[in-house]
Every structure is written in C-alpha cells, then in structure tokens.
Amino acid sequence: MSTPSFPKRDPADAAFWDLRYEADFTPWEAGIAPRDLRDFVMASPAPRSVLVPGCGSARDVRFLAAAGWEVLGLDFSPAAVAAARKVLGSHAGRARQ
C-alpha cells in the first residue's frame, strides 16, 4: 500500500485523524487486540468495566465486549468513531465521540 499524501495538520486536531480514517490509512492498527490485553482478560476472574480513550477503530473494544466486559470506547475523530461502529457491529453503541 502506498502512503497517501495528507495536508499538514496538528495531531491534536480531530481533522488529522479524520483524514486518515476516511482514506482507510491506519497502518498502526494491528487488526486484533494486543496479546497482553487478551492474556489479561483471560486471566481476570470476572468481567470488569473499562474505558478505552482514543479507541480508533475499536478492535480492543470489540474484544472486551465479546468477552463480556462493560466497555466504552471514545474518540474525538468522527471518522474514527464511524470506523469503530463498523468494526463493532452489534456492539456499535459502545463507541462514542
């Protein structure tokens, strides 16, 4: 995949992230929850409540929700939240801006 050209923006501005999610250019996304998180969840004696700030496409949120955890993912980028809701499917209400 070639790297798209983006206008210069401040990463503290939601528009920086909107451009990347709208272009479906998220090379930092692994596509699955990290192994350390999966191990932690499996070792926990009971589901917990968790907030995932800067959730992006919400792979972690999806994993936690599927494991029965009470989870809410937040992102300040409207495009990231839209991507998260697609990934979350039936758990789409767990992603908010």
N, C-alpha and C. Protein backbone atom coordinates (compact mmCIF):
# COMPACT_ATOMS: atom_id res chain seq x y z
N MET A 1 0.85 -1.17 0.00
CA MET A 1 0.00 0.00 0.00
C MET A 1 0.89 1.23 0.00
N SER A 2 0.64 2.16 -0.90
CA SER A 2 1.41 3.39 -0.92
C SER A 2 0.84 4.37 0.11
N THR A 3 1.71 5.21 0.61
CA THR A 3 1.31 6.18 1.62
C THR A 3 0.62 7.35 0.95
N PRO A 4 -0.63 7.62 1.33
CA PRO A 4 -1.32 8.78 0.74
C PRO A 4 -0.66 10.08 1.20
N SER A 5 -0.88 11.13 0.46
CA SER A 5 -0.38 12.45 0.83
C SER A 5 -1.49 13.18 1.59
N PHE A 6 -1.16 13.65 2.79
CA PHE A 6 -2.13 14.36 3.60
C PHE A 6 -1.67 15.80 3.81
N PRO A 7 -2.61 16.74 3.88
CA PRO A 7 -2.22 18.11 4.20
C PRO A 7 -1.67 18.16 5.63
N LYS A 8 -0.82 19.12 5.88
CA LYS A 8 -0.22 19.26 7.21
C LYS A 8 -1.32 19.65 8.20
N ARG A 9 -1.44 18.85 9.25
CA ARG A 9 -2.41 19.10 10.32
C ARG A 9 -1.77 18.75 11.65
N ASP A 10 -2.31 19.32 12.69
CA ASP A 10 -1.86 19.04 14.06
C ASP A 10 -2.53 17.76 14.53
N PRO A 11 -1.77 16.76 15.01
CA PRO A 11 -2.38 15.51 15.50
C PRO A 11 -3.31 15.72 16.70
N ALA A 12 -3.23 16.89 17.34
CA ALA A 12 -4.16 17.19 18.43
C ALA A 12 -5.51 17.66 17.90
N ASP A 13 -5.62 17.79 16.60
CA ASP A 13 -6.86 18.21 15.94
C ASP A 13 -7.55 16.98 15.34
N ALA A 14 -8.82 16.82 15.59
CA ALA A 14 -9.55 15.66 15.07
C ALA A 14 -9.44 15.53 13.55
N ALA A 15 -9.27 16.65 12.85
CA ALA A 15 -9.17 16.60 11.38
C ALA A 15 -7.97 15.79 10.92
N PHE A 16 -6.88 15.80 11.68
CA PHE A 16 -5.70 14.99 11.36
C PHE A 16 -6.10 13.52 11.25
N TRP A 17 -6.85 13.04 12.23
CA TRP A 17 -7.27 11.64 12.28
C TRP A 17 -8.40 11.35 11.31
N ASP A 18 -9.31 12.30 11.14
CA ASP A 18 -10.40 12.13 10.17
C ASP A 18 -9.85 11.81 8.79
N LEU A 19 -8.84 12.57 8.36
CA LEU A 19 -8.25 12.34 7.04
C LEU A 19 -7.74 10.91 6.89
N ARG A 20 -7.10 10.41 7.92
CA ARG A 20 -6.53 9.07 7.84
C ARG A 20 -7.59 7.98 7.86
N TYR A 21 -8.59 8.13 8.72
CA TYR A 21 -9.66 7.12 8.75
C TYR A 21 -10.52 7.18 7.49
N GLU A 22 -10.77 8.37 6.98
CA GLU A 22 -11.55 8.50 5.74
C GLU A 22 -10.82 7.89 4.55
N ALA A 23 -9.49 7.94 4.57
CA ALA A 23 -8.68 7.35 3.49
C ALA A 23 -8.40 5.87 3.77
N ASP A 24 -8.91 5.35 4.87
CA ASP A 24 -8.64 3.97 5.29
C ASP A 24 -7.13 3.71 5.36
N PHE A 25 -6.41 4.71 5.88
CA PHE A 25 -4.97 4.61 6.06
C PHE A 25 -4.67 4.62 7.56
N THR A 26 -4.61 3.43 8.13
CA THR A 26 -4.38 3.28 9.57
C THR A 26 -3.33 2.19 9.81
N PRO A 27 -2.08 2.41 9.37
CA PRO A 27 -1.07 1.36 9.48
C PRO A 27 -0.70 0.98 10.91
N TRP A 28 -1.08 1.79 11.89
CA TRP A 28 -0.82 1.48 13.30
C TRP A 28 -1.81 0.47 13.85
N GLU A 29 -2.89 0.23 13.13
CA GLU A 29 -3.91 -0.72 13.57
C GLU A 29 -3.46 -2.14 13.29
N ALA A 30 -3.42 -2.98 14.31
CA ALA A 30 -2.97 -4.37 14.14
C ALA A 30 -4.09 -5.28 13.64
N GLY A 31 -5.34 -4.85 13.76
CA GLY A 31 -6.45 -5.68 13.31
C GLY A 31 -6.99 -6.62 14.38
N ILE A 32 -6.27 -6.74 15.49
CA ILE A 32 -6.71 -7.57 16.62
C ILE A 32 -6.29 -6.89 17.91
N ALA A 33 -6.89 -7.31 19.00
CA ALA A 33 -6.48 -6.80 20.32
C ALA A 33 -5.08 -7.33 20.62
N PRO A 34 -4.23 -6.53 21.27
CA PRO A 34 -2.88 -6.98 21.60
C PRO A 34 -2.88 -8.22 22.51
N ARG A 35 -1.87 -9.04 22.35
CA ARG A 35 -1.75 -10.27 23.13
C ARG A 35 -1.77 -10.00 24.63
N ASP A 36 -1.08 -8.96 25.09
CA ASP A 36 -1.08 -8.65 26.53
C ASP A 36 -2.49 -8.38 27.04
N LEU A 37 -3.29 -7.68 26.26
CA LEU A 37 -4.67 -7.41 26.65
C LEU A 37 -5.47 -8.71 26.67
N ARG A 38 -5.32 -9.52 25.65
CA ARG A 38 -6.05 -10.80 25.60
C ARG A 38 -5.67 -11.67 26.79
N ASP A 39 -4.38 -11.74 27.12
CA ASP A 39 -3.93 -12.54 28.27
C ASP A 39 -4.51 -12.00 29.57
N PHE A 40 -4.51 -10.67 29.72
CA PHE A 40 -5.06 -10.05 30.93
C PHE A 40 -6.54 -10.38 31.10
N VAL A 41 -7.29 -10.26 30.02
CA VAL A 41 -8.73 -10.54 30.08
C VAL A 41 -8.97 -12.01 30.43
N MET A 42 -8.24 -12.90 29.81
CA MET A 42 -8.42 -14.32 30.09
C MET A 42 -8.03 -14.68 31.52
N ALA A 43 -7.09 -13.95 32.11
CA ALA A 43 -6.65 -14.24 33.48
C ALA A 43 -7.53 -13.56 34.53
N SER A 44 -8.40 -12.64 34.12
CA SER A 44 -9.25 -11.93 35.08
C SER A 44 -10.34 -12.86 35.59
N PRO A 45 -10.59 -12.83 36.91
CA PRO A 45 -11.58 -13.74 37.47
C PRO A 45 -13.02 -13.40 37.07
N ALA A 46 -13.26 -12.14 36.69
CA ALA A 46 -14.62 -11.74 36.31
C ALA A 46 -14.51 -10.54 35.36
N PRO A 47 -15.51 -10.34 34.51
CA PRO A 47 -15.50 -9.16 33.64
C PRO A 47 -15.45 -7.87 34.46
N ARG A 48 -14.84 -6.87 33.91
CA ARG A 48 -14.69 -5.57 34.56
C ARG A 48 -15.29 -4.49 33.68
N SER A 49 -15.29 -3.28 34.19
CA SER A 49 -15.70 -2.11 33.41
C SER A 49 -14.45 -1.38 32.97
N VAL A 50 -14.45 -0.92 31.72
CA VAL A 50 -13.26 -0.27 31.19
C VAL A 50 -13.63 0.82 30.19
N LEU A 51 -12.84 1.88 30.19
CA LEU A 51 -12.97 2.97 29.23
C LEU A 51 -11.75 2.92 28.32
N VAL A 52 -11.96 3.01 27.01
CA VAL A 52 -10.86 2.98 26.05
C VAL A 52 -10.81 4.34 25.35
N PRO A 53 -10.01 5.29 25.89
CA PRO A 53 -9.91 6.59 25.22
C PRO A 53 -9.06 6.47 23.96
N GLY A 54 -9.41 7.24 22.94
CA GLY A 54 -8.69 7.18 21.68
C GLY A 54 -8.81 5.80 21.04
N CYS A 55 -10.03 5.29 21.01
CA CYS A 55 -10.26 3.89 20.62
C CYS A 55 -10.02 3.61 19.14
N GLY A 56 -9.94 4.64 18.30
CA GLY A 56 -9.73 4.39 16.87
C GLY A 56 -10.80 3.47 16.32
N SER A 57 -10.39 2.42 15.61
CA SER A 57 -11.38 1.52 15.03
C SER A 57 -11.89 0.47 16.02
N ALA A 58 -11.49 0.57 17.26
CA ALA A 58 -12.11 -0.15 18.38
C ALA A 58 -11.95 -1.67 18.39
N ARG A 59 -10.85 -2.15 17.89
CA ARG A 59 -10.61 -3.61 17.96
C ARG A 59 -10.57 -4.07 19.42
N ASP A 60 -9.95 -3.26 20.29
CA ASP A 60 -9.89 -3.60 21.72
C ASP A 60 -11.29 -3.61 22.32
N VAL A 61 -12.09 -2.62 21.94
CA VAL A 61 -13.45 -2.53 22.46
C VAL A 61 -14.25 -3.76 22.03
N ARG A 62 -14.12 -4.16 20.78
CA ARG A 62 -14.83 -5.34 20.29
C ARG A 62 -14.43 -6.59 21.07
N PHE A 63 -13.13 -6.76 21.28
CA PHE A 63 -12.65 -7.92 22.02
C PHE A 63 -13.20 -7.92 23.45
N LEU A 64 -13.13 -6.78 24.12
CA LEU A 64 -13.60 -6.69 25.50
C LEU A 64 -15.11 -6.94 25.59
N ALA A 65 -15.88 -6.37 24.68
CA ALA A 65 -17.33 -6.57 24.68
C ALA A 65 -17.66 -8.04 24.45
N ALA A 66 -16.96 -8.68 23.53
CA ALA A 66 -17.20 -10.10 23.24
C ALA A 66 -16.86 -10.97 24.45
N ALA A 67 -15.93 -10.49 25.28
CA ALA A 67 -15.54 -11.23 26.49
C ALA A 67 -16.48 -10.95 27.66
N GLY A 68 -17.50 -10.12 27.42
CA GLY A 68 -18.49 -9.86 28.46
C GLY A 68 -18.18 -8.67 29.34
N TRP A 69 -17.17 -7.90 28.98
CA TRP A 69 -16.81 -6.74 29.78
C TRP A 69 -17.71 -5.55 29.44
N GLU A 70 -17.95 -4.71 30.42
CA GLU A 70 -18.68 -3.46 30.21
C GLU A 70 -17.64 -2.47 29.70
N VAL A 71 -17.73 -2.08 28.44
CA VAL A 71 -16.69 -1.27 27.82
C VAL A 71 -17.28 -0.14 27.01
N LEU A 72 -16.59 0.99 27.02
CA LEU A 72 -16.96 2.14 26.22
C LEU A 72 -15.70 2.68 25.57
N GLY A 73 -15.73 2.84 24.26
CA GLY A 73 -14.62 3.43 23.52
C GLY A 73 -14.95 4.85 23.13
N LEU A 74 -13.99 5.74 23.31
CA LEU A 74 -14.17 7.15 22.96
C LEU A 74 -13.11 7.57 21.95
N ASP A 75 -13.51 8.43 21.03
CA ASP A 75 -12.54 9.04 20.13
C ASP A 75 -13.07 10.41 19.75
N PHE A 76 -12.17 11.37 19.55
CA PHE A 76 -12.62 12.71 19.18
C PHE A 76 -12.72 12.90 17.68
N SER A 77 -12.33 11.90 16.92
CA SER A 77 -12.43 11.95 15.47
C SER A 77 -13.75 11.31 15.02
N PRO A 78 -14.63 12.07 14.38
CA PRO A 78 -15.87 11.48 13.89
C PRO A 78 -15.63 10.32 12.92
N ALA A 79 -14.59 10.43 12.08
CA ALA A 79 -14.30 9.35 11.13
C ALA A 79 -13.83 8.09 11.86
N ALA A 80 -13.07 8.25 12.93
CA ALA A 80 -12.63 7.08 13.71
C ALA A 80 -13.83 6.42 14.37
N VAL A 81 -14.74 7.20 14.90
CA VAL A 81 -15.93 6.64 15.54
C VAL A 81 -16.78 5.89 14.50
N ALA A 82 -16.90 6.44 13.30
CA ALA A 82 -17.64 5.75 12.24
C ALA A 82 -16.97 4.42 11.90
N ALA A 83 -15.63 4.42 11.81
CA ALA A 83 -14.90 3.18 11.55
C ALA A 83 -15.10 2.19 12.69
N ALA A 84 -15.07 2.69 13.91
CA ALA A 84 -15.26 1.83 15.09
C ALA A 84 -16.64 1.17 15.06
N ARG A 85 -17.65 1.93 14.73
CA ARG A 85 -19.01 1.37 14.72
C ARG A 85 -19.15 0.26 13.69
N LYS A 86 -18.45 0.38 12.58
CA LYS A 86 -18.47 -0.70 11.58
C LYS A 86 -17.80 -1.96 12.14
N VAL A 87 -16.66 -1.78 12.78
CA VAL A 87 -15.93 -2.91 13.37
C VAL A 87 -16.74 -3.55 14.49
N LEU A 88 -17.42 -2.74 15.27
CA LEU A 88 -18.15 -3.23 16.45
C LEU A 88 -19.43 -3.97 16.11
N GLY A 89 -20.01 -3.72 14.96
CA GLY A 89 -21.24 -4.42 14.58
C GLY A 89 -22.32 -4.28 15.63
N SER A 90 -22.76 -5.37 16.23
CA SER A 90 -23.84 -5.35 17.22
C SER A 90 -23.45 -4.59 18.48
N HIS A 91 -22.18 -4.29 18.67
CA HIS A 91 -21.71 -3.52 19.83
C HIS A 91 -21.44 -2.06 19.45
N ALA A 92 -21.97 -1.59 18.33
CA ALA A 92 -21.68 -0.25 17.81
C ALA A 92 -21.98 0.85 18.81
N GLY A 93 -22.93 0.66 19.68
CA GLY A 93 -23.27 1.67 20.69
C GLY A 93 -22.19 1.87 21.73
N ARG A 94 -21.16 1.03 21.69
CA ARG A 94 -20.07 1.14 22.67
C ARG A 94 -18.98 2.10 22.20
N ALA A 95 -19.15 2.75 21.06
CA ALA A 95 -18.19 3.75 20.57
C ALA A 95 -18.88 5.09 20.51
N ARG A 96 -18.24 6.08 21.10
CA ARG A 96 -18.83 7.43 21.13
C ARG A 96 -17.77 8.49 20.89
N GLN A 97 -18.25 9.60 20.38
CA GLN A 97 -17.36 10.75 20.16
C GLN A 97 -17.39 11.62 21.39
